[in-house]
N, C-alpha and C. Protein backbone atom coordinates (compact mmCIF):
# COMPACT_ATOMS: atom_id res chain seq x y z
N UNK A 1 13.18 -4.78 -9.71
CA UNK A 1 11.86 -3.89 -9.99
C UNK A 1 11.77 -2.82 -8.92
N UNK A 2 11.64 -1.52 -9.33
CA UNK A 2 11.60 -0.39 -8.40
C UNK A 2 10.14 0.24 -8.55
N UNK A 3 9.29 0.62 -7.68
CA UNK A 3 8.22 1.69 -7.93
C UNK A 3 8.48 2.45 -6.64
N UNK A 4 8.32 4.01 -7.23
CA UNK A 4 8.29 4.93 -6.36
C UNK A 4 7.00 6.06 -6.29
N UNK A 5 6.59 6.18 -5.38
CA UNK A 5 5.54 7.10 -5.01
C UNK A 5 5.86 8.27 -4.38
N UNK A 6 5.78 9.38 -4.83
CA UNK A 6 6.70 10.67 -4.39
C UNK A 6 5.24 11.76 -4.24
N UNK A 7 5.67 12.45 -2.98
CA UNK A 7 4.80 13.63 -2.96
C UNK A 7 5.59 14.73 -2.45
N UNK A 8 5.70 15.72 -3.64
CA UNK A 8 6.66 16.85 -3.57
C UNK A 8 6.05 18.06 -2.89
N UNK A 9 6.64 18.85 -2.06
CA UNK A 9 6.22 19.89 -1.80
C UNK A 9 7.36 20.80 -1.97
N UNK A 10 7.26 21.53 -3.43
CA UNK A 10 8.27 22.49 -3.80
C UNK A 10 8.72 23.51 -3.06
N UNK A 11 7.76 24.17 -2.39
CA UNK A 11 7.92 25.42 -1.59
C UNK A 11 8.78 25.15 -0.42
N UNK A 12 8.30 23.85 0.40
CA UNK A 12 9.28 23.44 1.29
C UNK A 12 10.28 22.81 1.39
N UNK A 13 10.64 22.58 0.01
CA UNK A 13 12.11 21.69 -0.33
C UNK A 13 11.99 20.42 0.47
N UNK A 14 10.89 19.61 0.23
CA UNK A 14 10.50 18.57 0.82
C UNK A 14 10.07 17.74 -0.30
N UNK A 15 10.14 16.44 0.09
CA UNK A 15 9.70 15.13 -0.99
C UNK A 15 9.52 14.03 0.01
N UNK A 16 8.24 13.43 0.26
CA UNK A 16 8.18 11.97 0.58
C UNK A 16 7.97 11.26 -0.19
N UNK A 17 8.74 10.19 0.03
CA UNK A 17 8.97 8.78 -1.01
C UNK A 17 8.42 7.48 -0.42
N UNK A 18 7.73 6.93 -1.02
CA UNK A 18 7.42 5.37 -0.48
C UNK A 18 7.87 4.40 -1.91
N UNK A 19 8.91 3.62 -1.41
CA UNK A 19 9.45 2.91 -2.48
C UNK A 19 9.26 1.33 -2.40
N UNK A 20 8.95 0.80 -3.23
CA UNK A 20 8.63 -0.66 -3.26
C UNK A 20 9.95 -1.24 -4.14
N UNK A 21 10.63 -2.17 -3.63
CA UNK A 21 11.66 -2.98 -4.62
C UNK A 21 11.37 -4.37 -4.33
N UNK A 22 11.22 -4.98 -5.74
CA UNK A 22 11.15 -6.32 -5.72
C UNK A 22 12.74 -7.09 -6.25
N UNK A 23 13.47 -7.66 -5.17
CA UNK A 23 14.63 -7.95 -5.46
C UNK A 23 14.86 -9.49 -5.94
N UNK A 24 15.07 -9.95 -7.43
CA UNK A 24 15.34 -11.01 -7.69
C UNK A 24 16.77 -11.71 -7.30
N UNK A 25 16.88 -12.65 -6.61
CA UNK A 25 18.21 -13.40 -6.09
C UNK A 25 18.82 -14.00 -7.40
N UNK A 26 19.69 -13.61 -7.96
CA UNK A 26 20.39 -14.01 -9.06
C UNK A 26 21.71 -14.34 -8.72
N UNK A 27 22.38 -14.20 -7.39
CA UNK A 27 23.61 -14.67 -7.05
C UNK A 27 24.09 -16.03 -6.95
N UNK A 28 23.10 -16.72 -7.06
CA UNK A 28 23.61 -18.30 -6.99
C UNK A 28 23.65 -19.04 -5.70
N UNK A 29 23.63 -18.02 -4.78
CA UNK A 29 23.63 -18.37 -3.28
C UNK A 29 22.42 -17.85 -2.50
N UNK A 30 21.99 -18.59 -1.31
CA UNK A 30 20.88 -17.84 -0.59
C UNK A 30 21.40 -16.79 0.04
N UNK A 31 20.29 -15.91 0.43
CA UNK A 31 20.88 -14.55 1.01
C UNK A 31 20.09 -14.46 2.23
N UNK A 32 20.86 -13.87 3.33
CA UNK A 32 20.01 -13.65 4.56
C UNK A 32 19.80 -12.14 4.90
N UNK A 33 20.63 -11.27 3.84
CA UNK A 33 20.43 -9.97 3.98
C UNK A 33 20.66 -9.26 2.58
N UNK A 34 19.95 -8.06 2.41
CA UNK A 34 20.57 -7.20 1.34
C UNK A 34 21.10 -6.16 1.85
N UNK A 35 21.88 -5.29 0.90
CA UNK A 35 22.57 -4.04 1.25
C UNK A 35 22.08 -2.95 0.10
N UNK A 36 21.42 -2.06 0.78
CA UNK A 36 21.26 -1.00 -0.55
C UNK A 36 22.11 0.36 -0.39
N UNK A 37 22.45 1.00 -1.25
CA UNK A 37 23.08 2.07 -1.14
C UNK A 37 21.96 3.30 -1.18
N UNK A 38 22.13 4.22 -0.14
CA UNK A 38 21.29 5.39 0.22
C UNK A 38 22.11 6.51 -0.35
N UNK A 39 22.13 7.10 -1.24
CA UNK A 39 22.86 8.00 -2.25
C UNK A 39 22.38 9.44 -1.12
N UNK A 40 21.10 9.61 -1.04
CA UNK A 40 20.50 10.87 -0.44
C UNK A 40 21.06 10.97 1.10
N UNK A 41 21.64 10.00 1.72
CA UNK A 41 22.37 10.30 3.06
C UNK A 41 23.72 10.95 2.92
N UNK A 42 24.26 11.19 1.73
CA UNK A 42 25.59 12.06 1.75
C UNK A 42 25.14 13.27 2.15
N UNK A 43 24.09 13.95 2.06
CA UNK A 43 23.77 15.27 2.67
C UNK A 43 22.85 15.25 3.78
N UNK A 44 23.51 15.77 5.11
CA UNK A 44 22.90 15.84 6.35
C UNK A 44 21.36 15.87 6.38
N UNK A 45 20.55 15.51 6.97
CA UNK A 45 19.01 15.77 7.05
C UNK A 45 18.25 15.14 5.80
N UNK A 46 18.90 15.15 4.87
CA UNK A 46 18.02 14.64 3.61
C UNK A 46 17.40 13.19 3.43
N UNK A 47 17.91 12.10 4.40
CA UNK A 47 17.30 11.17 4.59
C UNK A 47 16.72 10.76 5.87
N UNK A 48 15.44 10.10 5.76
CA UNK A 48 14.86 9.82 7.37
C UNK A 48 14.03 8.84 6.84
N UNK A 49 14.35 7.52 7.56
CA UNK A 49 13.52 6.36 7.13
C UNK A 49 12.56 6.34 8.10
N UNK A 50 11.32 6.02 7.89
CA UNK A 50 10.05 5.81 8.92
C UNK A 50 9.78 4.58 8.91
N UNK A 51 9.81 3.95 8.06
CA UNK A 51 9.58 2.29 8.27
C UNK A 51 10.11 1.41 7.08
N UNK A 52 10.15 0.30 7.50
CA UNK A 52 10.60 -0.60 6.34
C UNK A 52 9.86 -2.14 6.77
N UNK A 53 9.88 -2.85 5.42
CA UNK A 53 9.31 -4.16 5.47
C UNK A 53 9.75 -4.91 4.57
N UNK A 54 9.59 -6.40 4.84
CA UNK A 54 9.89 -7.38 3.72
C UNK A 54 8.80 -8.33 3.56
N UNK A 55 8.24 -8.28 2.61
CA UNK A 55 6.85 -9.27 2.28
C UNK A 55 5.92 -8.85 3.24
N UNK A 56 5.81 -7.59 3.68
CA UNK A 56 4.77 -7.37 4.64
C UNK A 56 5.19 -7.35 6.05
N UNK A 57 6.62 -8.03 6.47
CA UNK A 57 6.75 -8.03 7.74
C UNK A 57 7.89 -7.02 7.93
N UNK A 58 7.51 -6.32 9.24
CA UNK A 58 8.33 -5.05 9.61
C UNK A 58 9.69 -5.70 9.91
N UNK A 59 10.72 -4.84 9.42
CA UNK A 59 12.20 -5.19 9.70
C UNK A 59 12.96 -3.75 10.25
N UNK A 60 13.87 -3.96 10.90
CA UNK A 60 14.61 -2.78 11.39
C UNK A 60 16.23 -2.50 10.82
N UNK A 61 16.22 -1.65 9.54
CA UNK A 61 17.32 -1.90 8.92
C UNK A 61 18.48 -1.18 9.50
N UNK A 62 19.63 -1.62 9.39
CA UNK A 62 20.89 -0.85 10.16
C UNK A 62 21.50 0.06 9.04
N UNK A 63 21.44 1.31 9.20
CA UNK A 63 22.00 2.38 8.46
C UNK A 63 23.42 2.95 8.82
N UNK A 64 24.09 2.72 7.88
CA UNK A 64 25.61 2.87 8.22
C UNK A 64 26.22 4.03 7.04
N UNK A 65 26.08 5.05 7.07
CA UNK A 65 26.47 6.24 6.54
C UNK A 65 25.67 6.23 5.09
N UNK A 66 26.17 5.85 4.08
CA UNK A 66 25.47 5.60 2.65
C UNK A 66 24.91 4.44 2.33
N UNK A 67 25.03 3.45 3.44
CA UNK A 67 24.50 2.06 2.99
C UNK A 67 23.62 1.80 4.30
N UNK A 68 22.51 0.76 3.76
CA UNK A 68 21.53 0.14 4.84
C UNK A 68 21.35 -1.21 4.42
N UNK A 69 21.62 -1.77 5.84
CA UNK A 69 21.53 -3.55 5.75
C UNK A 69 20.06 -3.88 6.21
N UNK A 70 19.60 -4.76 5.32
CA UNK A 70 18.15 -5.33 5.96
C UNK A 70 18.22 -6.86 6.13
N UNK A 71 18.33 -7.30 7.25
CA UNK A 71 18.00 -8.76 7.40
C UNK A 71 16.74 -9.04 6.99
N UNK A 72 16.64 -10.21 6.01
CA UNK A 72 15.52 -10.98 5.63
C UNK A 72 14.80 -11.73 6.57
N UNK A 73 13.81 -11.82 6.83
CA UNK A 73 13.02 -12.31 7.78
C UNK A 73 12.93 -13.96 7.60
N UNK A 74 13.17 -14.37 6.35
CA UNK A 74 13.46 -15.70 5.74
C UNK A 74 14.73 -15.77 4.74
N UNK A 75 15.36 -16.80 4.81
CA UNK A 75 16.28 -16.95 3.67
C UNK A 75 15.75 -16.71 2.30
N UNK A 76 16.63 -15.73 1.23
CA UNK A 76 15.87 -15.87 -0.23
C UNK A 76 16.73 -16.62 -1.03
N UNK A 77 16.08 -17.63 -1.49
CA UNK A 77 16.95 -18.64 -2.17
C UNK A 77 17.28 -18.30 -3.54
N UNK A 78 18.23 -18.97 -4.21
CA UNK A 78 18.55 -18.44 -5.48
C UNK A 78 17.22 -18.47 -6.27
N UNK A 79 17.26 -17.62 -7.35
CA UNK A 79 15.97 -17.36 -8.31
C UNK A 79 14.67 -17.34 -7.91
N UNK A 80 14.82 -16.77 -6.70
CA UNK A 80 13.57 -16.41 -5.89
C UNK A 80 13.54 -14.79 -5.91
N UNK A 81 12.31 -14.21 -5.45
CA UNK A 81 12.49 -12.79 -5.29
C UNK A 81 11.74 -12.58 -3.78
N UNK A 82 11.94 -11.21 -3.42
CA UNK A 82 11.27 -10.69 -2.15
C UNK A 82 11.19 -9.29 -2.68
């Protein structure tokens, strides 16, 4: 599930987005990290990450071109969500 809160400044060609993702682990294996595609990073200056957290715990994602790797503060067991 994904929830987006968007503040759009049409004149300035700017959008501020707060995104909440609930990720259910349906892989059948415990996960220690998640990888997200950041498509807006295809355009220079289009993506600026201000902060990230997992279950309220601040994390420092690794941004590599169009992908962001998020180390989970605790293992996400199969059939669990974060």
